[in-house]
Amino acid sequence: MSNSKPQDQLVNELKDAFSLFDQDGDGKISIEELGAVLKKLGQCPSAEELQLMFSDVDQDNNGTIEFEEFMKMMEGGRNNVDTEDEIREAFRVFDKNNDGFISYEELKSMMSSLGETLTDKELNEMIRQADRDGNGVVDFEEFKSIFMKDISSNTD
C-alpha cells in the first residue's frame, strides 16, 4: 500500500508526458507527433533514426504508440547507463540562457513550446517541488533528483 501513492504519481506524470507527445489528443502518438516533439526539444533525428526509434516502441506494429507502450519505453529508459548524460541534456534544453538554473520563465517557455499551457500556480508548484534549497530556481542536482526519484520509485 505504501508503494501505491508513488506509483500512482508516476503514472500520472507519465500521462502528462504522454499528452505532450499526443498533440492531437487521440490517445496515440504518431511518428509525426514524436518527430515534432523531439524537434522542439532540440533533437533532430534523421527519418531513419526516427523510424527506428518509433519501431522500437511500437510493440504491436500498428503505426502508433499507445500509452502502455509509452510507459514501457519510459521504464526501459531508466536502465540506460548514460541516464545522467540524458538528464544533463534535458536540463540544457530547459536552461535557455545556460546559467546553470531553470527559472520560472524558462520552465514556462519550454512548457509553452511543447504545447502545454500551465497556470502560474502550476508552474510555481513545479518549481517548488524541485527547488530543494528554496532559491526560486532549479539547478542540475535538483533537476536530476526529480528524475532519480521517479526512477527509484518505479523500481520498487
N, C-alpha and C. Protein backbone atom coordinates (compact mmCIF):
# COMPACT_ATOMS: atom_id res chain seq x y z
N MET A 1 0.82 -1.20 0.00
CA MET A 1 0.00 0.00 0.00
C MET A 1 0.86 1.26 0.00
N SER A 2 2.01 1.19 0.66
CA SER A 2 2.87 2.37 0.71
C SER A 2 3.44 2.71 -0.66
N ASN A 3 3.51 1.72 -1.56
CA ASN A 3 4.04 1.98 -2.89
C ASN A 3 2.99 2.51 -3.86
N SER A 4 1.69 2.45 -3.50
CA SER A 4 0.66 2.84 -4.44
C SER A 4 0.67 4.33 -4.73
N LYS A 5 0.92 5.16 -3.74
CA LYS A 5 0.94 6.61 -3.96
C LYS A 5 2.06 7.01 -4.92
N PRO A 6 3.31 6.59 -4.66
CA PRO A 6 4.36 6.95 -5.63
C PRO A 6 4.08 6.36 -7.01
N GLN A 7 3.56 5.14 -7.07
CA GLN A 7 3.27 4.51 -8.36
C GLN A 7 2.17 5.28 -9.08
N ASP A 8 1.10 5.66 -8.34
CA ASP A 8 0.02 6.45 -8.94
C ASP A 8 0.55 7.79 -9.43
N GLN A 9 1.42 8.40 -8.64
CA GLN A 9 2.00 9.69 -9.02
C GLN A 9 2.84 9.52 -10.29
N LEU A 10 3.60 8.45 -10.36
CA LEU A 10 4.43 8.20 -11.55
C LEU A 10 3.54 8.00 -12.78
N VAL A 11 2.47 7.23 -12.64
CA VAL A 11 1.56 7.01 -13.76
C VAL A 11 0.96 8.33 -14.22
N ASN A 12 0.57 9.18 -13.26
CA ASN A 12 0.02 10.50 -13.62
C ASN A 12 1.06 11.35 -14.34
N GLU A 13 2.31 11.31 -13.88
CA GLU A 13 3.37 12.07 -14.54
C GLU A 13 3.61 11.54 -15.95
N LEU A 14 3.54 10.22 -16.11
CA LEU A 14 3.71 9.64 -17.44
C LEU A 14 2.54 10.02 -18.35
N LYS A 15 1.33 10.09 -17.79
CA LYS A 15 0.18 10.54 -18.58
C LYS A 15 0.37 11.97 -19.04
N ASP A 16 0.89 12.81 -18.15
CA ASP A 16 1.17 14.21 -18.53
C ASP A 16 2.20 14.26 -19.65
N ALA A 17 3.27 13.47 -19.52
CA ALA A 17 4.30 13.44 -20.55
C ALA A 17 3.73 12.91 -21.86
N PHE A 18 2.90 11.87 -21.77
CA PHE A 18 2.27 11.29 -22.96
C PHE A 18 1.45 12.35 -23.69
N SER A 19 0.73 13.16 -22.92
CA SER A 19 -0.13 14.18 -23.55
C SER A 19 0.69 15.24 -24.28
N LEU A 20 1.94 15.47 -23.84
CA LEU A 20 2.81 16.41 -24.57
C LEU A 20 3.12 15.89 -25.97
N PHE A 21 3.29 14.58 -26.08
CA PHE A 21 3.59 13.96 -27.36
C PHE A 21 2.32 13.80 -28.21
N ASP A 22 1.22 13.45 -27.55
CA ASP A 22 -0.06 13.21 -28.24
C ASP A 22 -0.73 14.54 -28.54
N GLN A 23 -0.20 15.25 -29.52
CA GLN A 23 -0.61 16.63 -29.77
C GLN A 23 -2.05 16.78 -30.26
N ASP A 24 -2.59 15.76 -30.93
CA ASP A 24 -3.97 15.87 -31.40
C ASP A 24 -4.97 15.26 -30.41
N GLY A 25 -4.46 14.72 -29.29
CA GLY A 25 -5.33 14.22 -28.23
C GLY A 25 -6.12 12.98 -28.56
N ASP A 26 -5.64 12.18 -29.52
CA ASP A 26 -6.40 10.98 -29.90
C ASP A 26 -6.02 9.74 -29.10
N GLY A 27 -5.14 9.91 -28.11
CA GLY A 27 -4.76 8.78 -27.26
C GLY A 27 -3.64 7.93 -27.85
N LYS A 28 -3.05 8.40 -28.94
CA LYS A 28 -1.98 7.67 -29.61
C LYS A 28 -0.93 8.67 -30.08
N ILE A 29 0.31 8.22 -30.13
CA ILE A 29 1.39 9.06 -30.64
C ILE A 29 1.77 8.55 -32.02
N SER A 30 1.69 9.43 -33.00
CA SER A 30 2.11 9.07 -34.36
C SER A 30 3.60 9.37 -34.51
N ILE A 31 4.18 8.86 -35.56
CA ILE A 31 5.59 9.12 -35.81
C ILE A 31 5.81 10.62 -36.05
N GLU A 32 4.82 11.29 -36.65
CA GLU A 32 4.92 12.74 -36.87
C GLU A 32 4.92 13.50 -35.55
N GLU A 33 4.05 13.07 -34.62
CA GLU A 33 4.00 13.73 -33.31
C GLU A 33 5.30 13.52 -32.55
N LEU A 34 5.85 12.31 -32.61
CA LEU A 34 7.12 12.03 -31.95
C LEU A 34 8.21 12.93 -32.53
N GLY A 35 8.28 13.00 -33.85
CA GLY A 35 9.28 13.84 -34.51
C GLY A 35 9.13 15.31 -34.14
N ALA A 36 7.89 15.80 -34.08
CA ALA A 36 7.65 17.22 -33.76
C ALA A 36 8.12 17.56 -32.36
N VAL A 37 7.83 16.69 -31.39
CA VAL A 37 8.24 16.96 -30.01
C VAL A 37 9.76 16.87 -29.88
N LEU A 38 10.36 15.88 -30.49
CA LEU A 38 11.83 15.76 -30.44
C LEU A 38 12.48 17.01 -31.03
N LYS A 39 11.92 17.52 -32.11
CA LYS A 39 12.46 18.73 -32.73
C LYS A 39 12.35 19.92 -31.77
N LYS A 40 11.21 20.06 -31.08
CA LYS A 40 11.04 21.14 -30.11
C LYS A 40 12.02 21.02 -28.96
N LEU A 41 12.42 19.79 -28.66
CA LEU A 41 13.38 19.55 -27.58
C LEU A 41 14.83 19.67 -28.06
N GLY A 42 15.00 20.11 -29.30
CA GLY A 42 16.35 20.33 -29.80
C GLY A 42 17.00 19.10 -30.40
N GLN A 43 16.24 18.02 -30.54
CA GLN A 43 16.76 16.79 -31.14
C GLN A 43 16.38 16.79 -32.61
N CYS A 44 17.27 16.36 -33.46
CA CYS A 44 16.98 16.32 -34.90
C CYS A 44 17.36 14.97 -35.48
N PRO A 45 16.62 13.91 -35.10
CA PRO A 45 16.95 12.60 -35.66
C PRO A 45 16.63 12.57 -37.16
N SER A 46 17.40 11.79 -37.90
CA SER A 46 17.11 11.60 -39.32
C SER A 46 15.80 10.80 -39.42
N ALA A 47 15.22 10.76 -40.62
CA ALA A 47 13.99 10.00 -40.82
C ALA A 47 14.21 8.53 -40.45
N GLU A 48 15.39 8.02 -40.78
CA GLU A 48 15.72 6.63 -40.47
C GLU A 48 15.83 6.41 -38.96
N GLU A 49 16.50 7.33 -38.26
CA GLU A 49 16.63 7.23 -36.80
C GLU A 49 15.26 7.32 -36.13
N LEU A 50 14.43 8.23 -36.62
CA LEU A 50 13.09 8.40 -36.06
C LEU A 50 12.27 7.12 -36.26
N GLN A 51 12.35 6.54 -37.45
CA GLN A 51 11.61 5.31 -37.73
C GLN A 51 12.09 4.17 -36.83
N LEU A 52 13.40 4.06 -36.64
CA LEU A 52 13.96 3.03 -35.78
C LEU A 52 13.50 3.21 -34.33
N MET A 53 13.57 4.44 -33.86
CA MET A 53 13.13 4.77 -32.51
C MET A 53 11.65 4.41 -32.34
N PHE A 54 10.85 4.82 -33.31
CA PHE A 54 9.41 4.58 -33.27
C PHE A 54 9.11 3.08 -33.28
N SER A 55 9.77 2.35 -34.16
CA SER A 55 9.55 0.90 -34.28
C SER A 55 9.90 0.17 -33.00
N ASP A 56 10.94 0.63 -32.31
CA ASP A 56 11.33 0.01 -31.04
C ASP A 56 10.23 0.11 -30.00
N VAL A 57 9.47 1.19 -30.04
CA VAL A 57 8.44 1.43 -29.03
C VAL A 57 7.09 0.86 -29.47
N ASP A 58 6.79 0.90 -30.75
CA ASP A 58 5.51 0.43 -31.29
C ASP A 58 5.50 -1.10 -31.32
N GLN A 59 5.32 -1.69 -30.14
CA GLN A 59 5.43 -3.14 -29.97
C GLN A 59 4.42 -3.94 -30.79
N ASP A 60 3.20 -3.40 -30.96
CA ASP A 60 2.18 -4.14 -31.71
C ASP A 60 2.19 -3.79 -33.21
N ASN A 61 3.15 -2.96 -33.61
CA ASN A 61 3.34 -2.60 -35.03
C ASN A 61 2.08 -2.08 -35.72
N ASN A 62 1.29 -1.29 -34.98
CA ASN A 62 0.08 -0.74 -35.58
C ASN A 62 0.26 0.69 -36.09
N GLY A 63 1.49 1.19 -36.03
CA GLY A 63 1.78 2.52 -36.56
C GLY A 63 1.56 3.66 -35.59
N THR A 64 1.20 3.32 -34.35
CA THR A 64 1.05 4.35 -33.31
C THR A 64 1.60 3.82 -32.00
N ILE A 65 1.92 4.74 -31.11
CA ILE A 65 2.37 4.37 -29.76
C ILE A 65 1.23 4.68 -28.80
N GLU A 66 0.71 3.63 -28.16
CA GLU A 66 -0.33 3.80 -27.16
C GLU A 66 0.33 4.04 -25.80
N PHE A 67 -0.48 4.45 -24.82
CA PHE A 67 0.05 4.80 -23.51
C PHE A 67 0.84 3.65 -22.88
N GLU A 68 0.35 2.41 -23.00
CA GLU A 68 1.04 1.26 -22.41
C GLU A 68 2.44 1.11 -23.01
N GLU A 69 2.55 1.30 -24.32
CA GLU A 69 3.85 1.21 -24.98
C GLU A 69 4.75 2.36 -24.53
N PHE A 70 4.17 3.54 -24.38
CA PHE A 70 4.91 4.71 -23.91
C PHE A 70 5.46 4.45 -22.51
N MET A 71 4.62 3.86 -21.62
CA MET A 71 5.08 3.55 -20.25
C MET A 71 6.24 2.57 -20.28
N LYS A 72 6.15 1.55 -21.10
CA LYS A 72 7.25 0.57 -21.20
C LYS A 72 8.52 1.24 -21.69
N MET A 73 8.38 2.17 -22.66
CA MET A 73 9.54 2.89 -23.17
C MET A 73 10.18 3.69 -22.05
N MET A 74 9.37 4.40 -21.27
CA MET A 74 9.90 5.23 -20.19
C MET A 74 10.53 4.37 -19.11
N GLU A 75 9.94 3.23 -18.79
CA GLU A 75 10.51 2.33 -17.80
C GLU A 75 11.83 1.76 -18.30
N GLY A 76 11.89 1.39 -19.57
CA GLY A 76 13.11 0.85 -20.15
C GLY A 76 14.23 1.86 -20.15
N GLY A 77 13.89 3.12 -20.35
CA GLY A 77 14.89 4.18 -20.40
C GLY A 77 15.60 4.41 -19.10
N ARG A 78 14.99 3.99 -18.01
CA ARG A 78 15.61 4.26 -16.71
C ARG A 78 16.84 3.40 -16.45
N ASN A 79 17.03 2.36 -17.25
CA ASN A 79 18.16 1.47 -17.04
C ASN A 79 19.36 1.81 -17.91
N ASN A 80 19.26 2.86 -18.71
CA ASN A 80 20.38 3.22 -19.58
C ASN A 80 21.58 3.66 -18.77
N VAL A 81 22.76 3.22 -19.19
CA VAL A 81 23.98 3.62 -18.48
C VAL A 81 24.26 5.10 -18.63
N ASP A 82 23.76 5.70 -19.70
CA ASP A 82 24.02 7.12 -19.90
C ASP A 82 22.86 7.99 -19.44
N THR A 83 22.10 7.51 -18.45
CA THR A 83 20.95 8.25 -17.95
C THR A 83 21.35 9.65 -17.49
N GLU A 84 22.46 9.78 -16.77
CA GLU A 84 22.86 11.10 -16.29
C GLU A 84 23.16 12.04 -17.45
N ASP A 85 23.79 11.53 -18.50
CA ASP A 85 24.05 12.36 -19.68
C ASP A 85 22.74 12.82 -20.32
N GLU A 86 21.77 11.91 -20.37
CA GLU A 86 20.47 12.26 -20.95
C GLU A 86 19.76 13.30 -20.09
N ILE A 87 19.86 13.15 -18.77
CA ILE A 87 19.25 14.13 -17.86
C ILE A 87 19.94 15.48 -18.03
N ARG A 88 21.26 15.46 -18.15
CA ARG A 88 22.01 16.72 -18.34
C ARG A 88 21.59 17.39 -19.65
N GLU A 89 21.40 16.60 -20.70
CA GLU A 89 20.97 17.16 -21.98
C GLU A 89 19.56 17.76 -21.86
N ALA A 90 18.67 17.06 -21.16
CA ALA A 90 17.32 17.59 -20.94
C ALA A 90 17.39 18.89 -20.15
N PHE A 91 18.27 18.94 -19.14
CA PHE A 91 18.44 20.16 -18.35
C PHE A 91 18.87 21.32 -19.24
N ARG A 92 19.81 21.05 -20.14
CA ARG A 92 20.31 22.10 -21.04
C ARG A 92 19.20 22.65 -21.93
N VAL A 93 18.28 21.77 -22.34
CA VAL A 93 17.16 22.21 -23.17
C VAL A 93 16.30 23.23 -22.41
N PHE A 94 16.06 22.97 -21.13
CA PHE A 94 15.25 23.88 -20.31
C PHE A 94 16.02 25.14 -19.94
N ASP A 95 17.33 25.01 -19.69
CA ASP A 95 18.16 26.13 -19.25
C ASP A 95 18.57 26.97 -20.46
N LYS A 96 17.62 27.77 -20.95
CA LYS A 96 17.79 28.52 -22.19
C LYS A 96 18.99 29.46 -22.18
N ASN A 97 19.25 30.14 -21.04
CA ASN A 97 20.34 31.12 -21.01
C ASN A 97 21.65 30.53 -20.50
N ASN A 98 21.68 29.21 -20.29
CA ASN A 98 22.90 28.49 -19.89
C ASN A 98 23.55 29.04 -18.62
N ASP A 99 22.71 29.47 -17.67
CA ASP A 99 23.27 29.98 -16.41
C ASP A 99 23.35 28.90 -15.33
N GLY A 100 22.95 27.67 -15.68
CA GLY A 100 23.02 26.57 -14.71
C GLY A 100 21.77 26.43 -13.86
N PHE A 101 20.74 27.20 -14.19
CA PHE A 101 19.49 27.16 -13.43
C PHE A 101 18.30 27.18 -14.38
N ILE A 102 17.23 26.53 -13.97
CA ILE A 102 15.97 26.63 -14.70
C ILE A 102 15.09 27.58 -13.90
N SER A 103 14.76 28.70 -14.51
CA SER A 103 13.92 29.70 -13.86
C SER A 103 12.45 29.45 -14.19
N TYR A 104 11.59 30.16 -13.51
CA TYR A 104 10.15 30.11 -13.78
C TYR A 104 9.90 30.43 -15.26
N GLU A 105 10.52 31.49 -15.76
CA GLU A 105 10.32 31.92 -17.15
C GLU A 105 10.80 30.87 -18.15
N GLU A 106 11.93 30.22 -17.85
CA GLU A 106 12.44 29.18 -18.75
C GLU A 106 11.50 27.97 -18.75
N LEU A 107 11.00 27.60 -17.58
CA LEU A 107 10.06 26.49 -17.49
C LEU A 107 8.79 26.82 -18.26
N LYS A 108 8.29 28.03 -18.06
CA LYS A 108 7.06 28.46 -18.74
C LYS A 108 7.27 28.43 -20.26
N SER A 109 8.40 28.95 -20.73
CA SER A 109 8.70 28.99 -22.15
C SER A 109 8.77 27.58 -22.74
N MET A 110 9.47 26.67 -22.05
CA MET A 110 9.61 25.31 -22.56
C MET A 110 8.27 24.59 -22.58
N MET A 111 7.50 24.71 -21.52
CA MET A 111 6.20 24.03 -21.48
C MET A 111 5.29 24.58 -22.58
N SER A 112 5.34 25.88 -22.79
CA SER A 112 4.54 26.51 -23.84
C SER A 112 4.96 26.00 -25.22
N SER A 113 6.27 25.88 -25.45
CA SER A 113 6.75 25.39 -26.75
C SER A 113 6.36 23.94 -26.99
N LEU A 114 6.09 23.21 -25.90
CA LEU A 114 5.63 21.82 -26.02
C LEU A 114 4.12 21.73 -26.13
N GLY A 115 3.46 22.91 -26.15
CA GLY A 115 2.01 22.93 -26.28
C GLY A 115 1.27 22.83 -24.97
N GLU A 116 1.98 22.95 -23.86
CA GLU A 116 1.36 22.87 -22.54
C GLU A 116 1.14 24.28 -22.00
N THR A 117 -0.11 24.65 -21.78
CA THR A 117 -0.40 25.94 -21.18
C THR A 117 -0.71 25.69 -19.71
N LEU A 118 0.22 26.07 -18.86
CA LEU A 118 0.06 25.86 -17.43
C LEU A 118 -0.23 27.19 -16.74
N THR A 119 -0.98 27.11 -15.65
CA THR A 119 -1.25 28.32 -14.88
C THR A 119 0.00 28.71 -14.10
N ASP A 120 0.02 29.96 -13.63
CA ASP A 120 1.13 30.40 -12.78
C ASP A 120 1.26 29.50 -11.57
N LYS A 121 0.11 29.11 -11.01
CA LYS A 121 0.11 28.25 -9.83
C LYS A 121 0.77 26.90 -10.14
N GLU A 122 0.43 26.31 -11.28
CA GLU A 122 1.02 25.01 -11.66
C GLU A 122 2.52 25.13 -11.89
N LEU A 123 2.93 26.19 -12.56
CA LEU A 123 4.35 26.40 -12.82
C LEU A 123 5.12 26.62 -11.52
N ASN A 124 4.56 27.46 -10.64
CA ASN A 124 5.21 27.70 -9.34
C ASN A 124 5.30 26.42 -8.52
N GLU A 125 4.27 25.57 -8.60
CA GLU A 125 4.28 24.30 -7.87
C GLU A 125 5.36 23.37 -8.43
N MET A 126 5.53 23.35 -9.74
CA MET A 126 6.59 22.53 -10.34
C MET A 126 7.96 22.99 -9.85
N ILE A 127 8.18 24.29 -9.83
CA ILE A 127 9.45 24.83 -9.34
C ILE A 127 9.61 24.49 -7.86
N ARG A 128 8.55 24.71 -7.09
CA ARG A 128 8.62 24.49 -5.64
C ARG A 128 8.98 23.03 -5.32
N GLN A 129 8.38 22.10 -6.03
CA GLN A 129 8.65 20.68 -5.76
C GLN A 129 10.10 20.30 -6.04
N ALA A 130 10.69 20.92 -7.04
CA ALA A 130 12.07 20.58 -7.40
C ALA A 130 13.10 21.38 -6.63
N ASP A 131 12.74 22.59 -6.21
CA ASP A 131 13.68 23.55 -5.61
C ASP A 131 13.93 23.24 -4.14
N ARG A 132 14.87 22.33 -3.88
CA ARG A 132 15.13 21.88 -2.50
C ARG A 132 15.77 22.96 -1.64
N ASP A 133 16.57 23.84 -2.22
CA ASP A 133 17.24 24.85 -1.39
C ASP A 133 16.44 26.15 -1.29
N GLY A 134 15.29 26.21 -1.94
CA GLY A 134 14.39 27.35 -1.79
C GLY A 134 14.85 28.65 -2.42
N ASN A 135 15.77 28.58 -3.40
CA ASN A 135 16.26 29.82 -4.00
C ASN A 135 15.43 30.28 -5.21
N GLY A 136 14.34 29.57 -5.50
CA GLY A 136 13.43 30.01 -6.55
C GLY A 136 13.76 29.54 -7.95
N VAL A 137 14.86 28.81 -8.09
CA VAL A 137 15.26 28.24 -9.38
C VAL A 137 15.68 26.79 -9.17
N VAL A 138 15.79 26.05 -10.25
CA VAL A 138 16.15 24.63 -10.17
C VAL A 138 17.53 24.44 -10.79
N ASP A 139 18.49 23.96 -9.98
CA ASP A 139 19.82 23.67 -10.53
C ASP A 139 19.86 22.22 -11.03
N PHE A 140 20.98 21.82 -11.61
CA PHE A 140 21.06 20.48 -12.21
C PHE A 140 20.83 19.38 -11.18
N GLU A 141 21.43 19.50 -10.01
CA GLU A 141 21.27 18.44 -9.00
C GLU A 141 19.82 18.29 -8.58
N GLU A 142 19.11 19.40 -8.45
CA GLU A 142 17.69 19.34 -8.10
C GLU A 142 16.89 18.72 -9.24
N PHE A 143 17.21 19.12 -10.47
CA PHE A 143 16.56 18.58 -11.66
C PHE A 143 16.79 17.07 -11.74
N LYS A 144 18.04 16.66 -11.53
CA LYS A 144 18.41 15.25 -11.58
C LYS A 144 17.68 14.45 -10.50
N SER A 145 17.55 15.03 -9.31
CA SER A 145 16.91 14.30 -8.21
C SER A 145 15.45 13.98 -8.52
N ILE A 146 14.79 14.85 -9.29
CA ILE A 146 13.41 14.57 -9.69
C ILE A 146 13.38 13.31 -10.56
N PHE A 147 14.29 13.22 -11.52
CA PHE A 147 14.35 12.04 -12.38
C PHE A 147 14.73 10.80 -11.59
N MET A 148 15.72 10.93 -10.72
CA MET A 148 16.18 9.77 -9.96
C MET A 148 15.11 9.30 -8.98
N LYS A 149 14.36 10.23 -8.42
CA LYS A 149 13.27 9.86 -7.51
C LYS A 149 12.23 9.06 -8.28
N ASP A 150 11.87 9.52 -9.48
CA ASP A 150 10.90 8.80 -10.30
C ASP A 150 11.42 7.43 -10.67
N ILE A 151 12.70 7.35 -11.01
CA ILE A 151 13.29 6.08 -11.40
C ILE A 151 13.30 5.11 -10.22
N SER A 152 13.73 5.57 -9.05
CA SER A 152 13.81 4.67 -7.90
C SER A 152 12.42 4.26 -7.42
N SER A 153 11.44 5.16 -7.47
CA SER A 153 10.10 4.79 -7.02
C SER A 153 9.46 3.81 -8.00
N ASN A 154 9.92 3.82 -9.24
CA ASN A 154 9.37 2.93 -10.24
C ASN A 154 10.01 1.55 -10.20
N THR A 155 11.13 1.40 -9.49
CA THR A 155 11.79 0.09 -9.42
C THR A 155 11.39 -0.68 -8.17
N ASP A 156 10.64 -0.05 -7.28
CA ASP A 156 10.22 -0.73 -6.04
C ASP A 156 9.31 -1.90 -6.32
